[in-house]
């Protein structure tokens, strides 16, 4: 197989897998009111339907990347795709909300393995002179999945049944698995011991904190159960950091954060996802619960927001190699801040849809300016042999931002509003979106700490490491 043919097949297979995993971040959002009615689910259960996927995804991303480095990225990519496909089938067959939440966690496990490996497998196959373009297209694929996620979820929930938002993954997965086995080239990273202690500490700590956030309004923020949950979470996460600092082979090498650009990029990614996913979680329900649109109509009304990254992300990937990542990320975070604040000012139970459209377009452009540059700066800031862990860390931190965004903004919503009437829903939505805007604004400030001219990565696996130019230049 010639190199151009290998690149085409690698891009196609990795992009389809990435698309499936990214799609399942948002495909469920417009189906939440239907699932709520089907299972008589409460707000906490709706949060877990979303967060069971994203939390498992985030916690296990670093382990997925490490397994790929040790046992072969192609092999683990296929295993991850198989797990994701199986989890989708279980979700579709769920007869109660608990089974659905467990199935979403299984999907998250599969997604955690295949997502970081899709990037490292692609970066190993693409010639260095085309890498910026490939990363831009990779970001565009993620943008496309986000764009059509709410529409697909709404269309399927309305036209068939909500279960089909998960069934759709099954034939795609079954088709891609043999293609990956035949067409991908096996690559490996440094063979290291699995950091199971780190995984346990991180998983336990994050689960305790998120559980506390989800249940706090129900049980009371000062209740012994909630306070204990937060204390346990903080202690476990502090222990995780201490363990990683002294471990000989950590799953998250803390030395990566010595790079100012790498640290800033991860802070920016977390804060962007916090505001973005937390707001979409509530807005997707607003159109159905308050304005009584059907699931498909609600999904279509989010399209001006979610379709913009399809057009903006590939261009941003190319532009970032010339302008650097900092201007694009600062602009993107600033635009998202403006968009969320704008929505919180104009939203009412009877607001005309056209009033929201300009803010949706600004938010979508902001996402497009974020996706491709963030991947570029993360890979630019590390050595080629650390790319698996670096991309895994960035994906994990970004997903955790979404987890905390959904949990925190839902908590703000529940403290100020409810599902009882359209007005009470908006009473909770407005302060939640304003908190989201403040968090993203902090991310815009954090983006200023990026290197002034972070260039496209130009690594070539066929050269010696001494000839590799890292693009994270200091300001």
Protein backbone atom coordinates (compact mmCIF):
# COMPACT_ATOMS: atom_id res chain seq x y z
CA UNK A 1 0.00 0.00 0.00
CA UNK A 2 1.52 3.31 -1.09
CA UNK A 3 1.90 6.10 1.43
CA UNK A 4 -0.82 8.34 -0.16
CA UNK A 5 -3.26 5.42 -0.11
CA UNK A 6 -2.33 4.65 3.50
CA UNK A 7 -2.92 8.27 4.48
CA UNK A 8 -6.36 8.31 2.83
CA UNK A 9 -7.46 5.09 4.53
CA UNK A 10 -6.03 6.20 7.89
CA UNK A 11 -7.78 9.55 7.70
CA UNK A 12 -11.08 7.97 6.71
CA UNK A 13 -11.05 5.29 9.42
CA UNK A 14 -9.80 7.53 12.22
CA UNK A 15 -12.26 10.27 11.25
CA UNK A 16 -15.27 7.93 11.25
CA UNK A 17 -14.32 6.64 14.70
CA UNK A 18 -13.74 10.16 16.01
CA UNK A 19 -17.05 11.24 14.51
CA UNK A 20 -18.95 8.48 16.32
CA UNK A 21 -17.35 9.26 19.69
CA UNK A 22 -17.82 13.03 19.31
CA UNK A 23 -21.39 12.60 18.10
CA UNK A 24 -22.35 10.81 21.30
CA UNK A 25 -21.35 13.82 23.36
CA UNK A 26 -24.35 15.77 22.01
CA UNK A 27 -26.63 13.34 20.16
CA UNK A 28 -28.44 12.60 23.41
CA UNK A 29 -29.15 16.25 24.30
CA UNK A 30 -32.25 16.74 22.15
CA UNK A 31 -33.50 13.30 23.16
CA UNK A 32 -33.34 14.11 26.90
CA UNK A 33 -36.94 15.36 27.21
CA UNK A 34 -38.17 12.21 25.43
CA UNK A 35 -36.02 9.98 27.65
CA UNK A 36 -37.22 11.95 30.69
CA UNK A 37 -40.82 11.21 29.76
CA UNK A 38 -40.09 7.57 28.85
CA UNK A 39 -38.37 6.73 32.15
CA UNK A 40 -39.91 9.50 34.30
CA UNK A 41 -36.32 10.55 34.98
CA UNK A 42 -35.41 13.45 37.26
CA UNK A 43 -32.77 16.13 36.62
CA UNK A 44 -30.02 14.15 38.39
CA UNK A 45 -30.69 11.10 36.22
CA UNK A 46 -30.62 13.23 33.07
CA UNK A 47 -27.25 14.61 34.17
CA UNK A 48 -25.90 11.08 34.65
CA UNK A 49 -27.12 10.02 31.20
CA UNK A 50 -24.81 12.72 29.84
CA UNK A 51 -22.04 12.52 32.44
CA UNK A 52 -21.76 8.72 32.62
CA UNK A 53 -20.35 8.94 29.10
CA UNK A 54 -18.19 12.02 29.49
CA UNK A 55 -16.84 11.17 32.96
CA UNK A 56 -15.83 7.62 31.99
CA UNK A 57 -14.45 8.98 28.73
CA UNK A 58 -12.36 11.59 30.51
CA UNK A 59 -11.02 9.40 33.32
CA UNK A 60 -9.96 6.55 31.04
CA UNK A 61 -8.52 8.55 28.13
CA UNK A 62 -5.01 8.52 29.55
CA UNK A 63 -5.16 4.79 30.17
CA UNK A 64 -6.46 4.25 26.63
CA UNK A 65 -3.52 6.18 25.21
CA UNK A 66 -1.05 4.29 27.43
CA UNK A 67 -2.49 0.92 26.40
CA UNK A 68 -2.08 1.92 22.75
CA UNK A 69 1.53 2.92 23.28
CA UNK A 70 2.29 -0.38 25.01
CA UNK A 71 0.27 -2.98 23.11
CA UNK A 72 -0.14 -1.31 19.73
CA UNK A 73 -2.30 1.63 18.75
CA UNK A 74 -4.05 -0.19 15.92
CA UNK A 75 -4.91 -3.15 18.15
CA UNK A 76 -6.30 -0.98 20.95
CA UNK A 77 -8.12 1.25 18.47
CA UNK A 78 -10.02 -1.80 17.22
CA UNK A 79 -10.75 -2.95 20.79
CA UNK A 80 -12.02 0.52 21.69
CA UNK A 81 -14.24 0.62 18.62
CA UNK A 82 -15.65 -2.80 19.52
CA UNK A 83 -16.43 -1.73 23.11
CA UNK A 84 -18.05 1.48 21.90
CA UNK A 85 -20.23 -0.42 19.42
CA UNK A 86 -21.27 -2.92 22.09
CA UNK A 87 -22.09 -0.15 24.56
CA UNK A 88 -24.26 1.51 21.93
CA UNK A 89 -26.24 -1.71 21.48
CA UNK A 90 -26.77 -2.06 25.24
CA UNK A 91 -27.94 1.57 25.45
CA UNK A 92 -30.45 0.95 22.67
CA UNK A 93 -31.80 -2.11 24.51
CA UNK A 94 -32.09 -0.36 27.90
CA UNK A 95 -35.40 -0.85 29.67
CA UNK A 96 -34.69 1.47 32.60
CA UNK A 97 -32.62 4.57 33.30
CA UNK A 98 -30.00 2.70 35.37
CA UNK A 99 -29.19 0.35 32.48
CA UNK A 100 -28.96 3.31 30.13
CA UNK A 101 -26.52 5.08 32.45
CA UNK A 102 -24.34 1.94 32.69
CA UNK A 103 -24.43 1.55 28.89
CA UNK A 104 -23.35 5.16 28.48
CA UNK A 105 -20.39 4.43 30.75
CA UNK A 106 -19.43 1.47 28.54
CA UNK A 107 -19.64 3.75 25.50
CA UNK A 108 -17.37 6.16 27.34
CA UNK A 109 -14.81 3.39 27.91
CA UNK A 110 -14.71 2.60 24.19
CA UNK A 111 -14.56 6.26 23.25
CA UNK A 112 -11.73 6.84 25.73
CA UNK A 113 -9.61 4.26 23.92
CA UNK A 114 -10.34 5.15 20.31
CA UNK A 115 -10.37 8.97 20.49
CA UNK A 116 -6.74 9.74 21.47
CA UNK A 117 -5.52 6.89 19.29
CA UNK A 118 -7.38 8.31 16.27
CA UNK A 119 -5.18 11.40 16.53
CA UNK A 120 -1.87 9.61 17.15
CA UNK A 121 -2.54 7.05 14.40
CA UNK A 122 -3.37 9.87 11.99
CA UNK A 123 -0.38 12.00 12.95
CA UNK A 124 1.94 9.02 12.40
CA UNK A 125 0.60 8.49 8.87
CA UNK A 126 0.51 12.07 7.56
CA UNK A 127 3.62 13.67 6.01
CA UNK A 128 4.95 16.59 8.01
CA UNK A 129 4.20 19.18 5.34
CA UNK A 130 0.49 18.29 5.37
CA UNK A 131 0.07 17.90 9.09
CA UNK A 132 -1.50 21.29 9.80
CA UNK A 133 -4.11 20.61 7.11
CA UNK A 134 -4.80 17.14 8.53
CA UNK A 135 -5.22 18.51 12.06
CA UNK A 136 -7.56 21.18 10.74
CA UNK A 137 -9.66 18.56 8.95
CA UNK A 138 -9.58 16.37 12.09
CA UNK A 139 -10.94 19.32 14.06
CA UNK A 140 -13.55 19.86 11.36
CA UNK A 141 -14.75 16.28 11.78
CA UNK A 142 -15.24 16.86 15.49
CA UNK A 143 -17.07 20.06 14.62
CA UNK A 144 -19.31 18.22 12.16
CA UNK A 145 -20.23 15.64 14.80
CA UNK A 146 -21.15 18.41 17.21
CA UNK A 147 -23.06 20.19 14.44
CA UNK A 148 -25.35 17.34 13.57
CA UNK A 149 -25.49 15.68 16.99
CA UNK A 150 -28.56 17.57 18.26
CA UNK A 151 -30.23 17.37 14.83
CA UNK A 152 -29.61 13.63 14.51
CA UNK A 153 -30.79 13.06 18.07
CA UNK A 154 -33.93 15.11 17.48
CA UNK A 155 -34.74 13.60 14.08
CA UNK A 156 -34.32 10.02 15.27
CA UNK A 157 -36.21 10.59 18.53
CA UNK A 158 -39.11 12.11 16.64
CA UNK A 159 -39.13 9.92 13.54
CA UNK A 160 -38.29 6.55 15.12
CA UNK A 161 -37.57 6.30 18.84
CA UNK A 162 -34.84 7.59 21.13
CA UNK A 163 -33.24 4.12 21.19
CA UNK A 164 -32.19 4.58 17.56
CA UNK A 165 -29.75 7.34 18.46
CA UNK A 166 -27.65 4.46 19.79
CA UNK A 167 -28.58 1.80 17.23
CA UNK A 168 -27.12 4.03 14.48
CA UNK A 169 -23.60 3.42 15.85
CA UNK A 170 -23.86 -0.36 15.57
CA UNK A 171 -23.74 -0.90 11.77
CA UNK A 172 -21.12 1.83 11.38
CA UNK A 173 -18.93 0.21 14.02
CA UNK A 174 -19.37 -3.25 12.53
CA UNK A 175 -18.29 -1.89 9.13
CA UNK A 176 -15.26 0.07 10.37
CA UNK A 177 -13.78 -2.65 12.63
CA UNK A 178 -12.69 -4.96 9.77
CA UNK A 179 -11.51 -1.97 7.72
CA UNK A 180 -9.28 -0.88 10.60
CA UNK A 181 -7.87 -4.39 10.88
CA UNK A 182 -7.03 -4.48 7.16
CA UNK A 183 -5.96 -0.91 6.41
CA UNK A 184 -4.32 0.65 9.45
CA UNK A 185 -0.60 0.32 10.15
CA UNK A 186 0.45 -0.73 13.64
CA UNK A 187 2.49 1.79 15.63
CA UNK A 188 3.65 1.86 19.23
CA UNK A 189 4.93 4.37 21.73
CA UNK A 190 7.26 3.81 24.66
CA UNK A 191 6.40 0.58 26.49
CA UNK A 192 5.58 1.56 30.06
CA UNK A 193 3.97 -0.04 33.08
CA UNK A 194 0.27 0.78 33.46
CA UNK A 195 -0.36 3.25 36.26
CA UNK A 196 -3.32 1.48 37.88
CA UNK A 197 -2.87 3.30 41.20
CA UNK A 198 -3.09 6.65 39.42
CA UNK A 199 -6.14 5.49 37.51
CA UNK A 200 -7.90 4.42 40.70
CA UNK A 201 -7.16 7.67 42.53
CA UNK A 202 -8.24 9.86 39.61
CA UNK A 203 -11.40 7.85 38.95
CA UNK A 204 -12.47 7.80 42.58
CA UNK A 205 -11.73 11.47 43.14
CA UNK A 206 -13.56 12.71 40.06
CA UNK A 207 -16.54 10.44 40.67
CA UNK A 208 -16.87 11.69 44.26
CA UNK A 209 -16.73 15.37 43.24
CA UNK A 210 -19.19 14.99 40.36
CA UNK A 211 -21.56 12.89 42.47
CA UNK A 212 -21.55 15.64 45.07
CA UNK A 213 -22.29 18.32 42.48
CA UNK A 214 -25.16 16.33 40.98
CA UNK A 215 -26.82 15.49 44.34
CA UNK A 216 -26.07 18.72 46.24
CA UNK A 217 -29.31 20.56 45.44
CA UNK A 218 -31.35 17.48 46.28
CA UNK A 219 -29.64 16.65 49.60
CA UNK A 220 -28.43 20.13 50.55
CA UNK A 221 -24.99 21.62 49.99
CA UNK A 222 -24.12 21.42 53.68
CA UNK A 223 -25.49 17.92 54.28
CA UNK A 224 -22.93 15.48 55.75
CA UNK A 225 -23.22 13.23 52.70
CA UNK A 226 -22.40 15.99 50.22
CA UNK A 227 -19.62 17.48 52.35
CA UNK A 228 -18.09 14.02 52.79
CA UNK A 229 -18.31 13.42 49.03
CA UNK A 230 -16.42 16.63 48.27
CA UNK A 231 -13.81 15.97 50.96
CA UNK A 232 -13.18 12.43 49.72
CA UNK A 233 -12.95 13.69 46.13
CA UNK A 234 -10.46 16.42 46.96
CA UNK A 235 -8.32 14.08 49.08
CA UNK A 236 -8.23 11.44 46.33
CA UNK A 237 -7.39 14.00 43.63
CA UNK A 238 -4.63 15.50 45.79
CA UNK A 239 -3.32 11.98 46.34
CA UNK A 240 -3.42 11.42 42.58
CA UNK A 241 -1.23 14.48 41.98
CA UNK A 242 1.19 13.40 44.71
CA UNK A 243 1.35 9.87 43.29
CA UNK A 244 1.95 11.07 39.75
CA UNK A 245 4.73 13.39 40.94
CA UNK A 246 6.74 10.52 42.44
CA UNK A 247 5.74 7.65 40.13
CA UNK A 248 8.46 6.40 37.82
CA UNK A 249 5.95 5.76 35.03
CA UNK A 250 2.92 8.02 35.64
CA UNK A 251 -0.16 7.90 33.44
CA UNK A 252 -0.11 11.72 33.47
CA UNK A 253 3.49 12.95 33.40
CA UNK A 254 3.40 16.19 35.36
CA UNK A 255 6.52 17.32 33.51
CA UNK A 256 4.28 18.04 30.52
CA UNK A 257 2.82 20.95 32.48
CA UNK A 258 6.23 22.61 32.70
CA UNK A 259 5.41 23.92 29.23
CA UNK A 260 3.48 27.13 29.63
CA UNK A 261 1.71 26.59 26.32
CA UNK A 262 0.67 23.04 27.20
CA UNK A 263 -0.68 24.11 30.60
CA UNK A 264 -2.52 27.12 29.21
CA UNK A 265 -4.01 25.06 26.36
CA UNK A 266 -5.44 22.56 28.81
CA UNK A 267 -6.89 25.27 31.07
CA UNK A 268 -8.49 26.89 28.02
CA UNK A 269 -9.89 23.54 26.82
CA UNK A 270 -11.44 22.78 30.19
CA UNK A 271 -13.07 26.19 30.59
CA UNK A 272 -14.41 26.25 27.02
CA UNK A 273 -16.03 22.85 27.45
CA UNK A 274 -17.45 23.90 30.83
CA UNK A 275 -19.40 26.79 29.34
CA UNK A 276 -20.22 25.11 26.03
CA UNK A 277 -21.53 21.72 27.15
CA UNK A 278 -23.23 23.03 30.28
CA UNK A 279 -25.13 25.61 28.24
CA UNK A 280 -26.09 23.22 25.43
CA UNK A 281 -27.39 20.71 28.02
CA UNK A 282 -29.94 23.29 29.17
CA UNK A 283 -30.63 25.07 25.88
CA UNK A 284 -31.50 21.84 24.04
CA UNK A 285 -34.19 21.24 26.66
CA UNK A 286 -35.37 24.87 26.58
CA UNK A 287 -36.73 24.56 23.05
CA UNK A 288 -38.80 21.49 23.95
CA UNK A 289 -39.77 22.06 27.59
CA UNK A 290 -40.47 25.80 27.34
CA UNK A 291 -41.24 26.52 23.69
CA UNK A 292 -42.81 23.12 22.98
CA UNK A 293 -40.92 22.34 19.78
CA UNK A 294 -40.56 18.72 18.70
CA UNK A 295 -37.15 17.03 19.15
CA UNK A 296 -36.29 17.55 15.46
CA UNK A 297 -37.40 21.17 15.50
CA UNK A 298 -35.31 21.75 18.63
CA UNK A 299 -32.26 20.13 17.02
CA UNK A 300 -32.62 22.22 13.87
CA UNK A 301 -32.80 25.39 15.94
CA UNK A 302 -29.39 24.69 17.44
CA UNK A 303 -27.88 24.28 13.97
CA UNK A 304 -26.70 27.90 13.49
CA UNK A 305 -24.55 27.31 16.60
CA UNK A 306 -23.37 23.79 15.92
CA UNK A 307 -22.79 23.98 12.14
CA UNK A 308 -20.33 26.87 12.25
CA UNK A 309 -17.27 24.81 13.35
CA UNK A 310 -17.59 22.74 10.15
CA UNK A 311 -16.63 25.83 8.17
CA UNK A 312 -14.42 27.64 10.65
CA UNK A 313 -12.27 24.82 12.12
CA UNK A 314 -10.45 23.76 8.91
CA UNK A 315 -9.64 27.39 8.08
CA UNK A 316 -8.46 27.97 11.64
CA UNK A 317 -6.16 24.95 11.34
CA UNK A 318 -4.46 26.47 8.31
CA UNK A 319 -4.35 30.02 9.67
CA UNK A 320 -2.86 28.88 12.97
CA UNK A 321 0.32 27.73 11.22
CA UNK A 322 0.88 31.35 10.14
CA UNK A 323 -0.55 33.49 12.93
CA UNK A 324 0.10 31.22 15.89
CA UNK A 325 -2.54 29.72 18.13
CA UNK A 326 -2.81 32.44 20.76
CA UNK A 327 -4.75 35.03 18.70
CA UNK A 328 -7.23 32.42 17.48
CA UNK A 329 -7.87 30.94 20.91
CA UNK A 330 -8.19 34.33 22.62
CA UNK A 331 -10.64 35.41 19.93
CA UNK A 332 -12.59 32.15 20.16
CA UNK A 333 -12.92 32.29 23.94
CA UNK A 334 -13.91 35.96 23.81
CA UNK A 335 -16.60 35.29 21.22
CA UNK A 336 -18.02 32.41 23.29
CA UNK A 337 -18.16 34.69 26.34
CA UNK A 338 -20.06 37.30 24.34
CA UNK A 339 -22.44 34.70 22.91
CA UNK A 340 -23.38 33.14 26.27
CA UNK A 341 -23.83 36.52 27.93
CA UNK A 342 -25.89 37.68 24.93
CA UNK A 343 -28.22 34.67 25.19
CA UNK A 344 -28.69 35.17 28.91
CA UNK A 345 -29.83 38.76 28.29
CA UNK A 346 -32.37 38.07 25.53
CA UNK A 347 -33.83 34.69 26.52
CA UNK A 348 -37.43 34.65 27.79
CA UNK A 349 -40.11 31.93 27.69
CA UNK A 350 -41.58 33.51 24.54
CA UNK A 351 -38.41 34.85 22.89
CA UNK A 352 -38.56 34.75 19.08
CA UNK A 353 -36.10 32.24 17.69
CA UNK A 354 -34.61 34.81 15.28
CA UNK A 355 -33.46 36.86 18.29
CA UNK A 356 -31.21 33.96 19.39
CA UNK A 357 -29.74 33.20 15.96
CA UNK A 358 -26.97 35.88 15.94
CA UNK A 359 -25.72 34.72 19.34
CA UNK A 360 -25.79 31.09 18.14
CA UNK A 361 -23.69 32.00 15.09
CA UNK A 362 -21.12 33.81 17.26
CA UNK A 363 -20.94 30.80 19.62
CA UNK A 364 -20.42 28.42 16.68
CA UNK A 365 -17.64 30.53 15.21
CA UNK A 366 -16.00 30.55 18.64
CA UNK A 367 -16.04 26.76 18.76
CA UNK A 368 -14.49 26.55 15.30
CA UNK A 369 -11.66 28.87 16.35
CA UNK A 370 -11.03 26.58 19.32
CA UNK A 371 -11.01 23.02 17.91
CA UNK A 372 -8.11 22.90 15.44
CA UNK A 373 -5.69 25.30 17.19
CA UNK A 374 -6.02 23.50 20.50
CA UNK A 375 -4.95 20.17 18.96
CA UNK A 376 -2.04 21.89 17.24
CA UNK A 377 -0.65 23.58 20.34
CA UNK A 378 -0.93 20.45 22.48
CA UNK A 379 1.05 18.31 20.03
CA UNK A 380 3.52 21.15 19.39
CA UNK A 381 4.44 21.37 23.04
CA UNK A 382 5.63 17.78 23.56
CA UNK A 383 8.09 15.28 22.11
CA UNK A 384 6.76 12.79 19.53
CA UNK A 385 7.05 9.90 22.01
CA UNK A 386 4.78 11.81 24.41
CA UNK A 387 2.03 12.63 21.92
CA UNK A 388 -0.22 9.77 23.05
CA UNK A 389 -0.23 10.91 26.67
CA UNK A 390 -0.40 14.58 25.70
CA UNK A 391 -3.42 14.15 23.44
CA UNK A 392 -5.01 11.88 26.03
CA UNK A 393 -4.45 14.47 28.75
CA UNK A 394 -5.94 17.25 26.63
CA UNK A 395 -8.98 15.20 25.65
CA UNK A 396 -9.47 14.13 29.26
CA UNK A 397 -9.25 17.65 30.61
CA UNK A 398 -11.59 18.95 27.92
CA UNK A 399 -14.14 16.23 28.66
CA UNK A 400 -13.87 16.91 32.39
CA UNK A 401 -14.69 20.51 31.61
CA UNK A 402 -17.91 19.29 30.02
CA UNK A 403 -18.68 17.03 32.98
CA UNK A 404 -18.24 19.87 35.46
CA UNK A 405 -20.07 22.28 33.17
CA UNK A 406 -23.16 20.07 33.04
CA UNK A 407 -23.01 19.34 36.77
CA UNK A 408 -22.37 22.92 37.93
CA UNK A 409 -24.72 24.71 35.53
CA UNK A 410 -27.46 22.14 36.24
CA UNK A 411 -26.91 22.80 39.95
CA UNK A 412 -27.24 26.55 39.34
CA UNK A 413 -30.37 25.87 37.29
CA UNK A 414 -31.91 23.70 40.01
CA UNK A 415 -31.13 26.28 42.71
CA UNK A 416 -32.91 29.04 40.79
CA UNK A 417 -35.53 27.33 38.63
CA UNK A 418 -37.35 24.12 37.75
CA UNK A 419 -39.27 22.25 35.06
CA UNK A 420 -42.67 23.32 36.44
CA UNK A 421 -43.36 26.18 34.03
CA UNK A 422 -41.65 27.96 31.17
CA UNK A 423 -40.88 30.92 33.41
CA UNK A 424 -39.34 28.81 36.17
CA UNK A 425 -37.18 27.04 33.59
CA UNK A 426 -35.91 30.38 32.27
CA UNK A 427 -35.39 31.60 35.85
CA UNK A 428 -32.86 28.77 36.23
CA UNK A 429 -31.42 29.02 32.72
CA UNK A 430 -30.39 32.69 32.88
CA UNK A 431 -28.04 32.53 35.91
CA UNK A 432 -26.62 29.21 34.67
CA UNK A 433 -25.66 30.76 31.33
CA UNK A 434 -24.17 33.78 33.03
CA UNK A 435 -21.96 31.55 35.17
CA UNK A 436 -20.94 29.77 31.95
CA UNK A 437 -20.03 33.11 30.36
CA UNK A 438 -17.87 34.09 33.34
CA UNK A 439 -16.01 30.76 33.26
CA UNK A 440 -15.29 31.07 29.53
CA UNK A 441 -14.12 34.67 30.04
CA UNK A 442 -11.54 33.35 32.50
CA UNK A 443 -10.49 30.96 29.74
CA UNK A 444 -9.93 33.91 27.38
CA UNK A 445 -7.53 35.39 29.92
CA UNK A 446 -5.79 32.01 30.29
CA UNK A 447 -5.30 31.85 26.51
CA UNK A 448 -3.06 34.92 26.75
CA UNK A 449 -0.48 32.71 28.50
CA UNK A 450 0.07 30.66 25.33
CA UNK A 451 3.33 31.02 23.42
CA UNK A 452 3.17 33.93 21.03
CA UNK A 453 3.89 31.93 17.86
CA UNK A 454 2.95 28.30 18.34
CA UNK A 455 3.58 26.84 14.89
CA UNK A 456 2.26 23.72 13.24
CA UNK A 457 3.90 20.50 14.33
CA UNK A 458 6.39 19.30 11.74
CA UNK A 459 7.44 15.96 13.13
CA UNK A 460 8.32 13.11 10.81
CA UNK A 461 8.54 9.65 12.31
CA UNK A 462 11.11 8.67 9.68
CA UNK A 463 13.63 11.21 10.96
CA UNK A 464 15.79 11.06 14.04
CA UNK A 465 14.36 12.77 17.11
CA UNK A 466 17.20 15.29 17.00
CA UNK A 467 15.78 16.75 13.78
CA UNK A 468 12.29 17.30 15.22
CA UNK A 469 11.24 20.91 15.51
CA UNK A 470 8.83 21.57 18.33
CA UNK A 471 6.52 24.46 17.62
CA UNK A 472 5.86 25.77 21.12
CA UNK A 473 7.97 28.94 21.01
CA UNK A 474 8.06 31.18 24.06
CA UNK A 475 6.45 34.58 23.84
